[in-house]
Amino acid sequence: MFRILVVDDDEGVRRYLRELLERSGYEVVEAVNGAKALSLFKADPTDLVITNILMPEKEGLETIRELRGEFPGVKIIAISGGGQVGPSDYLAVAQRLGAARTFSKPFDQKKLLAAVEELLNAGK
């Protein structure tokens, strides 16, 4: 069973993603910010990371950069609802840092699941 690390400071988003992914047969690990996500990933790497961009303590762009630096093969999906600038600006930077796919909130669950499946089955 594939394991996915979901990183978001919003409990409702984490719960939504956990339920969506578990219904699709994935095991889900959750983190409330990038610092916790890095700690969890280093202790027990997952097959995929889905991270929000704007979070306290350690935000998503920094998390992506650090994950990519230490684990170059990690598969990452970035999600963002924006902030003071539009989500597309943050998501473009996330792609340059190594996110394989990006989604603006609210995202289409079918498209997100298709991206998850594609990334997890790549290279099989």
PDB file of N, CA and C in Angstrom:
ATOM      1  N   MET A   1       0.857  -1.184   0.000  1.00  0.00           N
ATOM      2  CA  MET A   1       0.000   0.000   0.000  1.00  0.00           C
ATOM      3  C   MET A   1       0.897   1.240   0.000  1.00  0.00           C
ATOM      4  N   PHE A   2       0.579   2.168  -0.884  1.00  0.00           N
ATOM      5  CA  PHE A   2       1.332   3.414  -0.940  1.00  0.00           C
ATOM      6  C   PHE A   2       0.995   4.292   0.267  1.00  0.00           C
ATOM      7  N   ARG A   3       2.021   4.994   0.773  1.00  0.00           N
ATOM      8  CA  ARG A   3       1.844   5.924   1.897  1.00  0.00           C
ATOM      9  C   ARG A   3       2.033   7.353   1.403  1.00  0.00           C
ATOM     10  N   ILE A   4       1.155   8.228   1.858  1.00  0.00           N
ATOM     11  CA  ILE A   4       1.180   9.632   1.440  1.00  0.00           C
ATOM     12  C   ILE A   4       1.237  10.520   2.674  1.00  0.00           C
ATOM     13  N   LEU A   5       2.150  11.485   2.659  1.00  0.00           N
ATOM     14  CA  LEU A   5       2.257  12.475   3.724  1.00  0.00           C
ATOM     15  C   LEU A   5       1.491  13.721   3.297  1.00  0.00           C
ATOM     16  N   VAL A   6       0.477  14.086   4.071  1.00  0.00           N
ATOM     17  CA  VAL A   6      -0.339  15.271   3.809  1.00  0.00           C
ATOM     18  C   VAL A   6       0.079  16.358   4.802  1.00  0.00           C
ATOM     19  N   VAL A   7       0.484  17.515   4.268  1.00  0.00           N
ATOM     20  CA  VAL A   7       0.983  18.605   5.096  1.00  0.00           C
ATOM     21  C   VAL A   7       0.101  19.834   4.888  1.00  0.00           C
ATOM     22  N   ASP A   8      -0.629  20.230   5.930  1.00  0.00           N
ATOM     23  CA  ASP A   8      -1.478  21.425   5.854  1.00  0.00           C
ATOM     24  C   ASP A   8      -1.786  21.866   7.275  1.00  0.00           C
ATOM     25  N   ASP A   9      -1.758  23.166   7.508  1.00  0.00           N
ATOM     26  CA  ASP A   9      -2.060  23.674   8.846  1.00  0.00           C
ATOM     27  C   ASP A   9      -3.555  23.698   9.121  1.00  0.00           C
ATOM     28  N   ASP A  10      -4.362  23.543   8.096  1.00  0.00           N
ATOM     29  CA  ASP A  10      -5.819  23.548   8.249  1.00  0.00           C
ATOM     30  C   ASP A  10      -6.304  22.117   8.498  1.00  0.00           C
ATOM     31  N   GLU A  11      -6.813  21.879   9.698  1.00  0.00           N
ATOM     32  CA  GLU A  11      -7.265  20.535  10.068  1.00  0.00           C
ATOM     33  C   GLU A  11      -8.345  20.014   9.124  1.00  0.00           C
ATOM     34  N   GLY A  12      -9.245  20.888   8.686  1.00  0.00           N
ATOM     35  CA  GLY A  12     -10.312  20.479   7.778  1.00  0.00           C
ATOM     36  C   GLY A  12      -9.779  19.988   6.444  1.00  0.00           C
ATOM     37  N   VAL A  13      -8.758  20.650   5.917  1.00  0.00           N
ATOM     38  CA  VAL A  13      -8.146  20.230   4.648  1.00  0.00           C
ATOM     39  C   VAL A  13      -7.441  18.890   4.834  1.00  0.00           C
ATOM     40  N   ARG A  14      -6.703  18.753   5.940  1.00  0.00           N
ATOM     41  CA  ARG A  14      -6.030  17.474   6.195  1.00  0.00           C
ATOM     42  C   ARG A  14      -7.031  16.340   6.297  1.00  0.00           C
ATOM     43  N   ARG A  15      -8.115  16.562   7.027  1.00  0.00           N
ATOM     44  CA  ARG A  15      -9.143  15.524   7.195  1.00  0.00           C
ATOM     45  C   ARG A  15      -9.762  15.170   5.842  1.00  0.00           C
ATOM     46  N   TYR A  16     -10.092  16.195   5.041  1.00  0.00           N
ATOM     47  CA  TYR A  16     -10.679  15.964   3.715  1.00  0.00           C
ATOM     48  C   TYR A  16      -9.730  15.118   2.853  1.00  0.00           C
ATOM     49  N   LEU A  17      -8.452  15.508   2.814  1.00  0.00           N
ATOM     50  CA  LEU A  17      -7.493  14.766   2.001  1.00  0.00           C
ATOM     51  C   LEU A  17      -7.287  13.348   2.535  1.00  0.00           C
ATOM     52  N   ARG A  18      -7.193  13.208   3.856  1.00  0.00           N
ATOM     53  CA  ARG A  18      -7.024  11.876   4.445  1.00  0.00           C
ATOM     54  C   ARG A  18      -8.179  10.970   4.040  1.00  0.00           C
ATOM     55  N   GLU A  19      -9.417  11.448   4.200  1.00  0.00           N
ATOM     56  CA  GLU A  19     -10.583  10.629   3.859  1.00  0.00           C
ATOM     57  C   GLU A  19     -10.619  10.302   2.373  1.00  0.00           C
ATOM     58  N   LEU A  20     -10.336  11.282   1.536  1.00  0.00           N
ATOM     59  CA  LEU A  20     -10.324  11.070   0.092  1.00  0.00           C
ATOM     60  C   LEU A  20      -9.279  10.022  -0.295  1.00  0.00           C
ATOM     61  N   LEU A  21      -8.091  10.160   0.238  1.00  0.00           N
ATOM     62  CA  LEU A  21      -6.999   9.243  -0.112  1.00  0.00           C
ATOM     63  C   LEU A  21      -7.199   7.855   0.484  1.00  0.00           C
ATOM     64  N   GLU A  22      -7.684   7.787   1.724  1.00  0.00           N
ATOM     65  CA  GLU A  22      -7.921   6.472   2.327  1.00  0.00           C
ATOM     66  C   GLU A  22      -9.024   5.709   1.598  1.00  0.00           C
ATOM     67  N   ARG A  23     -10.072   6.421   1.145  1.00  0.00           N
ATOM     68  CA  ARG A  23     -11.128   5.755   0.354  1.00  0.00           C
ATOM     69  C   ARG A  23     -10.570   5.201  -0.951  1.00  0.00           C
ATOM     70  N   SER A  24      -9.476   5.794  -1.422  1.00  0.00           N
ATOM     71  CA  SER A  24      -8.860   5.335  -2.669  1.00  0.00           C
ATOM     72  C   SER A  24      -7.783   4.281  -2.418  1.00  0.00           C
ATOM     73  N   GLY A  25      -7.635   3.860  -1.159  1.00  0.00           N
ATOM     74  CA  GLY A  25      -6.738   2.758  -0.848  1.00  0.00           C
ATOM     75  C   GLY A  25      -5.338   3.145  -0.409  1.00  0.00           C
ATOM     76  N   TYR A  26      -5.107   4.395  -0.085  1.00  0.00           N
ATOM     77  CA  TYR A  26      -3.785   4.836   0.347  1.00  0.00           C
ATOM     78  C   TYR A  26      -3.734   4.965   1.865  1.00  0.00           C
ATOM     79  N   GLU A  27      -2.536   4.767   2.409  1.00  0.00           N
ATOM     80  CA  GLU A  27      -2.299   5.039   3.826  1.00  0.00           C
ATOM     81  C   GLU A  27      -1.857   6.496   3.926  1.00  0.00           C
ATOM     82  N   VAL A  28      -2.355   7.221   4.916  1.00  0.00           N
ATOM     83  CA  VAL A  28      -2.074   8.655   5.028  1.00  0.00           C
ATOM     84  C   VAL A  28      -1.425   8.972   6.369  1.00  0.00           C
ATOM     85  N   VAL A  29      -0.378   9.779   6.296  1.00  0.00           N
ATOM     86  CA  VAL A  29       0.301  10.328   7.460  1.00  0.00           C
ATOM     87  C   VAL A  29       0.088  11.837   7.380  1.00  0.00           C
ATOM     88  N   GLU A  30      -0.151  12.487   8.519  1.00  0.00           N
ATOM     89  CA  GLU A  30      -0.453  13.926   8.509  1.00  0.00           C
ATOM     90  C   GLU A  30       0.586  14.729   9.279  1.00  0.00           C
ATOM     91  N   ALA A  31       0.814  15.968   8.806  1.00  0.00           N
ATOM     92  CA  ALA A  31       1.669  16.921   9.509  1.00  0.00           C
ATOM     93  C   ALA A  31       1.023  18.303   9.431  1.00  0.00           C
ATOM     94  N   VAL A  32       1.156  19.078  10.518  1.00  0.00           N
ATOM     95  CA  VAL A  32       0.524  20.398  10.584  1.00  0.00           C
ATOM     96  C   VAL A  32       1.370  21.507   9.976  1.00  0.00           C
ATOM     97  N   ASN A  33       2.661  21.229   9.699  1.00  0.00           N
ATOM     98  CA  ASN A  33       3.528  22.221   9.075  1.00  0.00           C
ATOM     99  C   ASN A  33       4.752  21.524   8.490  1.00  0.00           C
ATOM    100  N   GLY A  34       5.570  22.297   7.811  1.00  0.00           N
ATOM    101  CA  GLY A  34       6.736  21.734   7.148  1.00  0.00           C
ATOM    102  C   GLY A  34       7.768  21.149   8.089  1.00  0.00           C
ATOM    103  N   ALA A  35       7.945  21.766   9.257  1.00  0.00           N
ATOM    104  CA  ALA A  35       8.923  21.255  10.219  1.00  0.00           C
ATOM    105  C   ALA A  35       8.541  19.841  10.663  1.00  0.00           C
ATOM    106  N   LYS A  36       7.269  19.666  11.010  1.00  0.00           N
ATOM    107  CA  LYS A  36       6.787  18.340  11.414  1.00  0.00           C
ATOM    108  C   LYS A  36       6.870  17.359  10.237  1.00  0.00           C
ATOM    109  N   ALA A  37       6.547  17.829   9.036  1.00  0.00           N
ATOM    110  CA  ALA A  37       6.601  16.970   7.858  1.00  0.00           C
ATOM    111  C   ALA A  37       8.018  16.468   7.600  1.00  0.00           C
ATOM    112  N   LEU A  38       9.004  17.349   7.695  1.00  0.00           N
ATOM    113  CA  LEU A  38      10.390  16.938   7.469  1.00  0.00           C
ATOM    114  C   LEU A  38      10.826  15.909   8.504  1.00  0.00           C
ATOM    115  N   SER A  39      10.439  16.122   9.743  1.00  0.00           N
ATOM    116  CA  SER A  39      10.772  15.180  10.810  1.00  0.00           C
ATOM    117  C   SER A  39      10.150  13.809  10.537  1.00  0.00           C
ATOM    118  N   LEU A  40       8.871  13.796  10.188  1.00  0.00           N
ATOM    119  CA  LEU A  40       8.180  12.540   9.887  1.00  0.00           C
ATOM    120  C   LEU A  40       8.799  11.842   8.671  1.00  0.00           C
ATOM    121  N   PHE A  41       9.087  12.619   7.618  1.00  0.00           N
ATOM    122  CA  PHE A  41       9.611  12.040   6.381  1.00  0.00           C
ATOM    123  C   PHE A  41      11.000  11.444   6.607  1.00  0.00           C
ATOM    124  N   LYS A  42      11.839  12.159   7.363  1.00  0.00           N
ATOM    125  CA  LYS A  42      13.188  11.645   7.635  1.00  0.00           C
ATOM    126  C   LYS A  42      13.133  10.356   8.445  1.00  0.00           C
ATOM    127  N   ALA A  43      12.196  10.267   9.379  1.00  0.00           N
ATOM    128  CA  ALA A  43      12.070   9.078  10.225  1.00  0.00           C
ATOM    129  C   ALA A  43      11.512   7.879   9.455  1.00  0.00           C
ATOM    130  N   ASP A  44      10.582   8.135   8.529  1.00  0.00           N
ATOM    131  CA  ASP A  44       9.919   7.051   7.798  1.00  0.00           C
ATOM    132  C   ASP A  44       9.367   7.610   6.483  1.00  0.00           C
ATOM    133  N   PRO A  45      10.203   7.656   5.429  1.00  0.00           N
ATOM    134  CA  PRO A  45       9.783   8.275   4.168  1.00  0.00           C
ATOM    135  C   PRO A  45       8.491   7.674   3.595  1.00  0.00           C
ATOM    136  N   THR A  46       7.689   8.541   3.001  1.00  0.00           N
ATOM    137  CA  THR A  46       6.459   8.114   2.345  1.00  0.00           C
ATOM    138  C   THR A  46       6.690   8.073   0.836  1.00  0.00           C
ATOM    139  N   ASP A  47       5.717   7.564   0.105  1.00  0.00           N
ATOM    140  CA  ASP A  47       5.840   7.446  -1.347  1.00  0.00           C
ATOM    141  C   ASP A  47       5.542   8.761  -2.064  1.00  0.00           C
ATOM    142  N   LEU A  48       4.803   9.648  -1.392  1.00  0.00           N
ATOM    143  CA  LEU A  48       4.377  10.912  -1.987  1.00  0.00           C
ATOM    144  C   LEU A  48       4.128  11.911  -0.870  1.00  0.00           C
ATOM    145  N   VAL A  49       4.380  13.193  -1.166  1.00  0.00           N
ATOM    146  CA  VAL A  49       4.080  14.272  -0.229  1.00  0.00           C
ATOM    147  C   VAL A  49       3.118  15.233  -0.913  1.00  0.00           C
ATOM    148  N   ILE A  50       2.028  15.564  -0.229  1.00  0.00           N
ATOM    149  CA  ILE A  50       1.114  16.612  -0.682  1.00  0.00           C
ATOM    150  C   ILE A  50       1.225  17.722   0.341  1.00  0.00           C
ATOM    151  N   THR A  51       1.724  18.891  -0.089  1.00  0.00           N
ATOM    152  CA  THR A  51       1.945  19.970   0.863  1.00  0.00           C
ATOM    153  C   THR A  51       1.256  21.267   0.469  1.00  0.00           C
ATOM    154  N   ASN A  52       0.694  21.902   1.469  1.00  0.00           N
ATOM    155  CA  ASN A  52       0.182  23.252   1.324  1.00  0.00           C
ATOM    156  C   ASN A  52       1.389  24.185   1.235  1.00  0.00           C
ATOM    157  N   ILE A  53       1.186  25.393   0.730  1.00  0.00           N
ATOM    158  CA  ILE A  53       2.285  26.342   0.621  1.00  0.00           C
ATOM    159  C   ILE A  53       2.338  27.269   1.835  1.00  0.00           C
ATOM    160  N   LEU A  54       1.232  27.934   2.150  1.00  0.00           N
ATOM    161  CA  LEU A  54       1.236  28.914   3.231  1.00  0.00           C
ATOM    162  C   LEU A  54       0.881  28.270   4.563  1.00  0.00           C
ATOM    163  N   MET A  55       1.901  28.145   5.434  1.00  0.00           N
ATOM    164  CA  MET A  55       1.727  27.538   6.754  1.00  0.00           C
ATOM    165  C   MET A  55       2.667  28.229   7.728  1.00  0.00           C
ATOM    166  N   PRO A  56       2.302  28.218   9.014  1.00  0.00           N
ATOM    167  CA  PRO A  56       3.220  28.767  10.014  1.00  0.00           C
ATOM    168  C   PRO A  56       4.386  27.818  10.280  1.00  0.00           C
ATOM    169  N   GLU A  57       5.385  28.318  10.929  1.00  0.00           N
ATOM    170  CA  GLU A  57       6.583  27.608  11.377  1.00  0.00           C
ATOM    171  C   GLU A  57       7.515  27.254  10.224  1.00  0.00           C
ATOM    172  N   LYS A  58       7.090  26.457   9.275  1.00  0.00           N
ATOM    173  CA  LYS A  58       7.879  26.177   8.072  1.00  0.00           C
ATOM    174  C   LYS A  58       6.891  26.017   6.940  1.00  0.00           C
ATOM    175  N   GLU A  59       6.944  26.960   5.999  1.00  0.00           N
ATOM    176  CA  GLU A  59       5.967  26.947   4.917  1.00  0.00           C
ATOM    177  C   GLU A  59       6.353  25.944   3.837  1.00  0.00           C
ATOM    178  N   GLY A  60       5.455  25.777   2.879  1.00  0.00           N
ATOM    179  CA  GLY A  60       5.600  24.722   1.884  1.00  0.00           C
ATOM    180  C   GLY A  60       6.748  24.862   0.911  1.00  0.00           C
ATOM    181  N   LEU A  61       7.066  26.093   0.479  1.00  0.00           N
ATOM    182  CA  LEU A  61       8.166  26.258  -0.476  1.00  0.00           C
ATOM    183  C   LEU A  61       9.483  25.835   0.158  1.00  0.00           C
ATOM    184  N   GLU A  62       9.688  26.232   1.392  1.00  0.00           N
ATOM    185  CA  GLU A  62      10.890  25.835   2.121  1.00  0.00           C
ATOM    186  C   GLU A  62      10.912  24.317   2.337  1.00  0.00           C
ATOM    187  N   THR A  63       9.756  23.759   2.632  1.00  0.00           N
ATOM    188  CA  THR A  63       9.642  22.316   2.833  1.00  0.00           C
ATOM    189  C   THR A  63       9.986  21.565   1.548  1.00  0.00           C
ATOM    190  N   ILE A  64       9.461  22.029   0.429  1.00  0.00           N
ATOM    191  CA  ILE A  64       9.763  21.394  -0.869  1.00  0.00           C
ATOM    192  C   ILE A  64      11.265  21.459  -1.142  1.00  0.00           C
ATOM    193  N   ARG A  65      11.853  22.636  -0.945  1.00  0.00           N
ATOM    194  CA  ARG A  65      13.285  22.815  -1.214  1.00  0.00           C
ATOM    195  C   ARG A  65      14.123  21.865  -0.345  1.00  0.00           C
ATOM    196  N   GLU A  66      13.781  21.765   0.943  1.00  0.00           N
ATOM    197  CA  GLU A  66      14.549  20.902   1.837  1.00  0.00           C
ATOM    198  C   GLU A  66      14.348  19.419   1.520  1.00  0.00           C
ATOM    199  N   LEU A  67      13.114  19.021   1.229  1.00  0.00           N
ATOM    200  CA  LEU A  67      12.863  17.622   0.855  1.00  0.00           C
ATOM    201  C   LEU A  67      13.635  17.256  -0.401  1.00  0.00           C
ATOM    202  N   ARG A  68      13.572  18.117  -1.404  1.00  0.00           N
ATOM    203  CA  ARG A  68      14.277  17.862  -2.666  1.00  0.00           C
ATOM    204  C   ARG A  68      15.787  17.797  -2.462  1.00  0.00           C
ATOM    205  N   GLY A  69      16.307  18.656  -1.567  1.00  0.00           N
ATOM    206  CA  GLY A  69      17.737  18.666  -1.300  1.00  0.00           C
ATOM    207  C   GLY A  69      18.220  17.377  -0.662  1.00  0.00           C
ATOM    208  N   GLU A  70      17.448  16.856   0.275  1.00  0.00           N
ATOM    209  CA  GLU A  70      17.848  15.645   0.990  1.00  0.00           C
ATOM    210  C   GLU A  70      17.370  14.361   0.327  1.00  0.00           C
ATOM    211  N   PHE A  71      16.254  14.444  -0.363  1.00  0.00           N
ATOM    212  CA  PHE A  71      15.653  13.259  -1.001  1.00  0.00           C
ATOM    213  C   PHE A  71      15.281  13.620  -2.440  1.00  0.00           C
ATOM    214  N   PRO A  72      16.261  13.658  -3.347  1.00  0.00           N
ATOM    215  CA  PRO A  72      16.009  14.149  -4.712  1.00  0.00           C
ATOM    216  C   PRO A  72      14.901  13.422  -5.468  1.00  0.00           C
ATOM    217  N   GLY A  73      14.618  12.181  -5.115  1.00  0.00           N
ATOM    218  CA  GLY A  73      13.604  11.414  -5.826  1.00  0.00           C
ATOM    219  C   GLY A  73      12.198  11.558  -5.274  1.00  0.00           C
ATOM    220  N   VAL A  74      12.023  12.347  -4.221  1.00  0.00           N
ATOM    221  CA  VAL A  74      10.708  12.465  -3.584  1.00  0.00           C
ATOM    222  C   VAL A  74       9.684  13.035  -4.571  1.00  0.00           C
ATOM    223  N   LYS A  75       8.483  12.476  -4.543  1.00  0.00           N
ATOM    224  CA  LYS A  75       7.394  12.949  -5.397  1.00  0.00           C
ATOM    225  C   LYS A  75       6.532  13.895  -4.575  1.00  0.00           C
ATOM    226  N   ILE A  76       6.306  15.100  -5.123  1.00  0.00           N
ATOM    227  CA  ILE A  76       5.612  16.142  -4.361  1.00  0.00           C
ATOM    228  C   ILE A  76       4.489  16.756  -5.185  1.00  0.00           C
ATOM    229  N   ILE A  77       3.347  16.946  -4.534  1.00  0.00           N
ATOM    230  CA  ILE A  77       2.233  17.722  -5.082  1.00  0.00           C
ATOM    231  C   ILE A  77       2.059  18.923  -4.157  1.00  0.00           C
ATOM    232  N   ALA A  78       2.017  20.128  -4.731  1.00  0.00           N
ATOM    233  CA  ALA A  78       1.819  21.349  -3.941  1.00  0.00           C
ATOM    234  C   ALA A  78       0.400  21.859  -4.147  1.00  0.00           C
ATOM    235  N   ILE A  79      -0.212  22.321  -3.052  1.00  0.00           N
ATOM    236  CA  ILE A  79      -1.551  22.912  -3.125  1.00  0.00           C
ATOM    237  C   ILE A  79      -1.502  24.284  -2.444  1.00  0.00           C
ATOM    238  N   SER A  80      -2.309  25.219  -2.946  1.00  0.00           N
ATOM    239  CA  SER A  80      -2.324  26.540  -2.326  1.00  0.00           C
ATOM    240  C   SER A  80      -3.639  27.247  -2.573  1.00  0.00           C
ATOM    241  N   GLY A  81      -4.065  27.954  -1.552  1.00  0.00           N
ATOM    242  CA  GLY A  81      -5.244  28.799  -1.673  1.00  0.00           C
ATOM    243  C   GLY A  81      -4.855  30.250  -1.903  1.00  0.00           C
ATOM    244  N   GLY A  82      -3.556  30.504  -2.007  1.00  0.00           N
ATOM    245  CA  GLY A  82      -3.093  31.861  -2.255  1.00  0.00           C
ATOM    246  C   GLY A  82      -2.717  32.569  -0.986  1.00  0.00           C
ATOM    247  N   GLY A  83      -3.025  33.817  -0.947  1.00  0.00           N
ATOM    248  CA  GLY A  83      -2.629  34.667   0.154  1.00  0.00           C
ATOM    249  C   GLY A  83      -2.709  36.089  -0.362  1.00  0.00           C
ATOM    250  N   GLN A  84      -1.659  36.855  -0.135  1.00  0.00           N
ATOM    251  CA  GLN A  84      -1.667  38.227  -0.631  1.00  0.00           C
ATOM    252  C   GLN A  84      -1.462  38.291  -2.141  1.00  0.00           C
ATOM    253  N   VAL A  85      -0.841  37.245  -2.684  1.00  0.00           N
ATOM    254  CA  VAL A  85      -0.758  37.124  -4.146  1.00  0.00           C
ATOM    255  C   VAL A  85      -1.551  35.881  -4.518  1.00  0.00           C
ATOM    256  N   GLY A  86      -1.831  35.707  -5.781  1.00  0.00           N
ATOM    257  CA  GLY A  86      -2.639  34.565  -6.199  1.00  0.00           C
ATOM    258  C   GLY A  86      -1.921  33.247  -6.006  1.00  0.00           C
ATOM    259  N   PRO A  87      -2.668  32.143  -5.874  1.00  0.00           N
ATOM    260  CA  PRO A  87      -2.055  30.832  -5.681  1.00  0.00           C
ATOM    261  C   PRO A  87      -1.158  30.429  -6.845  1.00  0.00           C
ATOM    262  N   SER A  88      -1.456  30.922  -8.051  1.00  0.00           N
ATOM    263  CA  SER A  88      -0.645  30.533  -9.207  1.00  0.00           C
ATOM    264  C   SER A  88       0.794  31.006  -9.054  1.00  0.00           C
ATOM    265  N   ASP A  89       1.011  32.147  -8.383  1.00  0.00           N
ATOM    266  CA  ASP A  89       2.375  32.634  -8.174  1.00  0.00           C
ATOM    267  C   ASP A  89       3.151  31.675  -7.272  1.00  0.00           C
ATOM    268  N   TYR A  90       2.553  31.282  -6.157  1.00  0.00           N
ATOM    269  CA  TYR A  90       3.204  30.339  -5.253  1.00  0.00           C
ATOM    270  C   TYR A  90       3.407  28.986  -5.920  1.00  0.00           C
ATOM    271  N   LEU A  91       2.417  28.549  -6.657  1.00  0.00           N
ATOM    272  CA  LEU A  91       2.495  27.232  -7.279  1.00  0.00           C
ATOM    273  C   LEU A  91       3.543  27.187  -8.386  1.00  0.00           C
ATOM    274  N   ALA A  92       3.744  28.298  -9.089  1.00  0.00           N
ATOM    275  CA  ALA A  92       4.800  28.355 -10.111  1.00  0.00           C
ATOM    276  C   ALA A  92       6.173  28.201  -9.453  1.00  0.00           C
ATOM    277  N   VAL A  93       6.367  28.849  -8.330  1.00  0.00           N
ATOM    278  CA  VAL A  93       7.629  28.707  -7.585  1.00  0.00           C
ATOM    279  C   VAL A  93       7.773  27.270  -7.087  1.00  0.00           C
ATOM    280  N   ALA A  94       6.692  26.690  -6.596  1.00  0.00           N
ATOM    281  CA  ALA A  94       6.722  25.302  -6.116  1.00  0.00           C
ATOM    282  C   ALA A  94       7.177  24.355  -7.223  1.00  0.00           C
ATOM    283  N   GLN A  95       6.699  24.584  -8.443  1.00  0.00           N
ATOM    284  CA  GLN A  95       7.118  23.738  -9.567  1.00  0.00           C
ATOM    285  C   GLN A  95       8.605  23.913  -9.845  1.00  0.00           C
ATOM    286  N   ARG A  96       9.079  25.153  -9.806  1.00  0.00           N
ATOM    287  CA  ARG A  96      10.508  25.387 -10.039  1.00  0.00           C
ATOM    288  C   ARG A  96      11.368  24.715  -8.963  1.00  0.00           C
ATOM    289  N   LEU A  97      10.832  24.594  -7.763  1.00  0.00           N
ATOM    290  CA  LEU A  97      11.565  23.955  -6.671  1.00  0.00           C
ATOM    291  C   LEU A  97      11.475  22.428  -6.705  1.00  0.00           C
ATOM    292  N   GLY A  98      10.574  21.893  -7.524  1.00  0.00           N
ATOM    293  CA  GLY A  98      10.525  20.445  -7.675  1.00  0.00           C
ATOM    294  C   GLY A  98       9.194  19.769  -7.465  1.00  0.00           C
ATOM    295  N   ALA A  99       8.125  20.521  -7.242  1.00  0.00           N
ATOM    296  CA  ALA A  99       6.808  19.883  -7.145  1.00  0.00           C
ATOM    297  C   ALA A  99       6.423  19.346  -8.525  1.00  0.00           C
ATOM    298  N   ALA A 100       6.029  18.088  -8.570  1.00  0.00           N
ATOM    299  CA  ALA A 100       5.684  17.461  -9.848  1.00  0.00           C
ATOM    300  C   ALA A 100       4.334  17.951 -10.367  1.00  0.00           C
ATOM    301  N   ARG A 101       3.399  18.244  -9.455  1.00  0.00           N
ATOM    302  CA  ARG A 101       2.068  18.734  -9.818  1.00  0.00           C
ATOM    303  C   ARG A 101       1.674  19.809  -8.826  1.00  0.00           C
ATOM    304  N   THR A 102       0.815  20.720  -9.279  1.00  0.00           N
ATOM    305  CA  THR A 102       0.319  21.769  -8.390  1.00  0.00           C
ATOM    306  C   THR A 102      -1.186  21.939  -8.595  1.00  0.00           C
ATOM    307  N   PHE A 103      -1.863  22.312  -7.498  1.00  0.00           N
ATOM    308  CA  PHE A 103      -3.308  22.527  -7.549  1.00  0.00           C
ATOM    309  C   PHE A 103      -3.666  23.736  -6.701  1.00  0.00           C
ATOM    310  N   SER A 104      -4.548  24.577  -7.238  1.00  0.00           N
ATOM    311  CA  SER A 104      -5.112  25.689  -6.473  1.00  0.00           C
ATOM    312  C   SER A 104      -6.299  25.180  -5.678  1.00  0.00           C
ATOM    313  N   LYS A 105      -6.452  25.671  -4.450  1.00  0.00           N
ATOM    314  CA  LYS A 105      -7.639  25.362  -3.651  1.00  0.00           C
ATOM    315  C   LYS A 105      -8.759  26.285  -4.076  1.00  0.00           C
ATOM    316  N   PRO A 106      -9.977  25.830  -4.145  1.00  0.00           N
ATOM    317  CA  PRO A 106     -10.362  24.425  -3.997  1.00  0.00           C
ATOM    318  C   PRO A 106      -9.990  23.641  -5.253  1.00  0.00           C
ATOM    319  N   PHE A 107      -9.550  22.422  -5.089  1.00  0.00           N
ATOM    320  CA  PHE A 107      -9.103  21.614  -6.219  1.00  0.00           C
ATOM    321  C   PHE A 107     -10.145  20.564  -6.563  1.00  0.00           C
ATOM    322  N   ASP A 108     -10.066  20.079  -7.773  1.00  0.00           N
ATOM    323  CA  ASP A 108     -10.950  19.026  -8.256  1.00  0.00           C
ATOM    324  C   ASP A 108     -10.414  17.692  -7.733  1.00  0.00           C
ATOM    325  N   GLN A 109     -11.208  16.988  -6.931  1.00  0.00           N
ATOM    326  CA  GLN A 109     -10.713  15.752  -6.316  1.00  0.00           C
ATOM    327  C   GLN A 109     -10.357  14.691  -7.348  1.00  0.00           C
ATOM    328  N   LYS A 110     -11.079  14.615  -8.451  1.00  0.00           N
ATOM    329  CA  LYS A 110     -10.753  13.614  -9.476  1.00  0.00           C
ATOM    330  C   LYS A 110      -9.402  13.912 -10.116  1.00  0.00           C
ATOM    331  N   LYS A 111      -9.117  15.197 -10.368  1.00  0.00           N
ATOM    332  CA  LYS A 111      -7.822  15.570 -10.958  1.00  0.00           C
ATOM    333  C   LYS A 111      -6.690  15.314  -9.970  1.00  0.00           C
ATOM    334  N   LEU A 112      -6.934  15.615  -8.705  1.00  0.00           N
ATOM    335  CA  LEU A 112      -5.911  15.365  -7.695  1.00  0.00           C
ATOM    336  C   LEU A 112      -5.630  13.868  -7.588  1.00  0.00           C
ATOM    337  N   LEU A 113      -6.671  13.046  -7.513  1.00  0.00           N
ATOM    338  CA  LEU A 113      -6.483  11.600  -7.425  1.00  0.00           C
ATOM    339  C   LEU A 113      -5.785  11.045  -8.661  1.00  0.00           C
ATOM    340  N   ALA A 114      -6.100  11.585  -9.825  1.00  0.00           N
ATOM    341  CA  ALA A 114      -5.430  11.152 -11.055  1.00  0.00           C
ATOM    342  C   ALA A 114      -3.937  11.477 -11.002  1.00  0.00           C
ATOM    343  N   ALA A 115      -3.600  12.658 -10.476  1.00  0.00           N
ATOM    344  CA  ALA A 115      -2.189  13.046 -10.347  1.00  0.00           C
ATOM    345  C   ALA A 115      -1.470  12.150  -9.337  1.00  0.00           C
ATOM    346  N   VAL A 116      -2.137  11.853  -8.228  1.00  0.00           N
ATOM    347  CA  VAL A 116      -1.558  10.963  -7.212  1.00  0.00           C
ATOM    348  C   VAL A 116      -1.266   9.599  -7.836  1.00  0.00           C
ATOM    349  N   GLU A 117      -2.249   9.047  -8.517  1.00  0.00           N
ATOM    350  CA  GLU A 117      -2.088   7.730  -9.139  1.00  0.00           C
ATOM    351  C   GLU A 117      -0.961   7.743 -10.176  1.00  0.00           C
ATOM    352  N   GLU A 118      -0.942   8.786 -11.000  1.00  0.00           N
ATOM    353  CA  GLU A 118       0.080   8.890 -12.037  1.00  0.00           C
ATOM    354  C   GLU A 118       1.480   8.943 -11.416  1.00  0.00           C
ATOM    355  N   LEU A 119       1.667   9.776 -10.406  1.00  0.00           N
ATOM    356  CA  LEU A 119       2.982   9.912  -9.783  1.00  0.00           C
ATOM    357  C   LEU A 119       3.404   8.640  -9.059  1.00  0.00           C
ATOM    358  N   LEU A 120       2.491   7.997  -8.359  1.00  0.00           N
ATOM    359  CA  LEU A 120       2.830   6.784  -7.634  1.00  0.00           C
ATOM    360  C   LEU A 120       3.113   5.607  -8.554  1.00  0.00           C
ATOM    361  N   ASN A 121       2.503   5.580  -9.716  1.00  0.00           N
ATOM    362  CA  ASN A 121       2.699   4.463 -10.639  1.00  0.00           C
ATOM    363  C   ASN A 121       3.760   4.735 -11.685  1.00  0.00           C
ATOM    364  N   ALA A 122       4.342   5.942 -11.678  1.00  0.00           N
ATOM    365  CA  ALA A 122       5.415   6.268 -12.621  1.00  0.00           C
ATOM    366  C   ALA A 122       6.638   5.418 -12.277  1.00  0.00           C
ATOM    367  N   GLY A 123       7.245   4.881 -13.291  1.00  0.00           N
ATOM    368  CA  GLY A 123       8.462   4.101 -13.088  1.00  0.00           C
ATOM    369  C   GLY A 123       8.226   2.680 -12.627  1.00  0.00           C
ATOM    370  N   LYS A 124       6.975   2.218 -12.628  1.00  0.00           N
ATOM    371  CA  LYS A 124       6.697   0.831 -12.245  1.00  0.00           C
ATOM    372  C   LYS A 124       7.068  -0.110 -13.346  1.00  0.00           C
TER     373      LYS A 124
END
